[in-house]
Amino acid sequence: MTKKIIVEECVEGCHWIIEQPNGPTSIGTCKICNNTKEFRNSMPGSGWDRNGQNKK
């Protein structure tokens, strides 16, 4: 069973249900209008976003 996490609302009034992290991004689906959007699972410069670069 996949657990979903409610994270944010968009300006259109969407209520995003975002899949659990499994890589650099997760797909979110609005529970109101069923739109989908890709969300990043990390902040730039950390975790999945490093791309082999050292932090300055």
C-alpha atoms as a PDB file:
ATOM      1  CA  MET A   1       0.000   0.000   0.000  1.00  0.00           C
ATOM      2  CA  THR A   2       1.409   3.401  -1.007  1.00  0.00           C
ATOM      3  CA  LYS A   3       1.050   6.089   1.614  1.00  0.00           C
ATOM      4  CA  LYS A   4       0.384   9.562   0.243  1.00  0.00           C
ATOM      5  CA  ILE A   5       1.354  12.804   1.917  1.00  0.00           C
ATOM      6  CA  ILE A   6      -0.608  16.074   1.645  1.00  0.00           C
ATOM      7  CA  VAL A   7       1.951  18.826   1.069  1.00  0.00           C
ATOM      8  CA  GLU A   8       0.582  22.063  -0.354  1.00  0.00           C
ATOM      9  CA  GLU A   9      -2.227  23.896  -2.139  1.00  0.00           C
ATOM     10  CA  CYS A  10      -1.705  25.620  -5.488  1.00  0.00           C
ATOM     11  CA  VAL A  11      -2.996  29.086  -6.437  1.00  0.00           C
ATOM     12  CA  GLU A  12      -5.903  27.554  -8.388  1.00  0.00           C
ATOM     13  CA  GLY A  13      -7.197  26.058  -5.143  1.00  0.00           C
ATOM     14  CA  CYS A  14      -5.843  22.568  -5.844  1.00  0.00           C
ATOM     15  CA  HIS A  15      -5.179  20.233  -2.934  1.00  0.00           C
ATOM     16  CA  TRP A  16      -2.104  18.170  -3.871  1.00  0.00           C
ATOM     17  CA  ILE A  17      -1.705  14.549  -2.819  1.00  0.00           C
ATOM     18  CA  ILE A  18       1.959  13.727  -3.461  1.00  0.00           C
ATOM     19  CA  GLU A  19       3.400  10.225  -3.717  1.00  0.00           C
ATOM     20  CA  GLN A  20       6.096   9.180  -1.260  1.00  0.00           C
ATOM     21  CA  PRO A  21       9.660  10.062  -2.333  1.00  0.00           C
ATOM     22  CA  ASN A  22      11.279   7.439  -4.544  1.00  0.00           C
ATOM     23  CA  GLY A  23      13.963   9.291  -6.489  1.00  0.00           C
ATOM     24  CA  PRO A  24      14.497  12.985  -7.260  1.00  0.00           C
ATOM     25  CA  THR A  25      10.820  13.739  -8.007  1.00  0.00           C
ATOM     26  CA  SER A  26       7.326  12.567  -7.066  1.00  0.00           C
ATOM     27  CA  ILE A  27       4.038  12.977  -8.906  1.00  0.00           C
ATOM     28  CA  GLY A  28       1.258  14.907  -7.204  1.00  0.00           C
ATOM     29  CA  THR A  29      -2.430  14.676  -8.115  1.00  0.00           C
ATOM     30  CA  CYS A  30      -5.013  17.280  -7.167  1.00  0.00           C
ATOM     31  CA  LYS A  31      -7.825  15.635  -5.222  1.00  0.00           C
ATOM     32  CA  ILE A  32     -10.238  18.297  -6.530  1.00  0.00           C
ATOM     33  CA  CYS A  33      -9.556  18.482 -10.295  1.00  0.00           C
ATOM     34  CA  ASN A  34      -7.198  15.484 -10.879  1.00  0.00           C
ATOM     35  CA  ASN A  35      -4.467  17.651 -12.447  1.00  0.00           C
ATOM     36  CA  THR A  36      -0.992  16.177 -12.044  1.00  0.00           C
ATOM     37  CA  LYS A  37       2.295  17.927 -11.326  1.00  0.00           C
ATOM     38  CA  GLU A  38       5.865  16.831 -10.700  1.00  0.00           C
ATOM     39  CA  PHE A  39       7.364  17.862  -7.339  1.00  0.00           C
ATOM     40  CA  ARG A  40      11.062  17.855  -6.414  1.00  0.00           C
ATOM     41  CA  ASN A  41      11.967  15.743  -3.404  1.00  0.00           C
ATOM     42  CA  SER A  42      14.998  17.767  -2.338  1.00  0.00           C
ATOM     43  CA  MET A  43      16.318  21.281  -2.134  1.00  0.00           C
ATOM     44  CA  PRO A  44      19.029  22.385  -4.617  1.00  0.00           C
ATOM     45  CA  GLY A  45      22.505  21.391  -3.442  1.00  0.00           C
ATOM     46  CA  SER A  46      21.410  18.457  -1.299  1.00  0.00           C
ATOM     47  CA  GLY A  47      20.390  14.832  -1.636  1.00  0.00           C
ATOM     48  CA  TRP A  48      19.051  13.839  -5.044  1.00  0.00           C
ATOM     49  CA  ASP A  49      19.918  17.214  -6.603  1.00  0.00           C
ATOM     50  CA  ARG A  50      23.717  16.976  -6.207  1.00  0.00           C
ATOM     51  CA  ASN A  51      24.453  15.532  -9.671  1.00  0.00           C
ATOM     52  CA  GLY A  52      27.981  14.673  -8.499  1.00  0.00           C
ATOM     53  CA  GLN A  53      28.864  18.301  -7.735  1.00  0.00           C
ATOM     54  CA  ASN A  54      30.518  19.382  -4.509  1.00  0.00           C
ATOM     55  CA  LYS A  55      28.822  21.969  -2.371  1.00  0.00           C
ATOM     56  CA  LYS A  56      30.596  25.353  -2.399  1.00  0.00           C
END
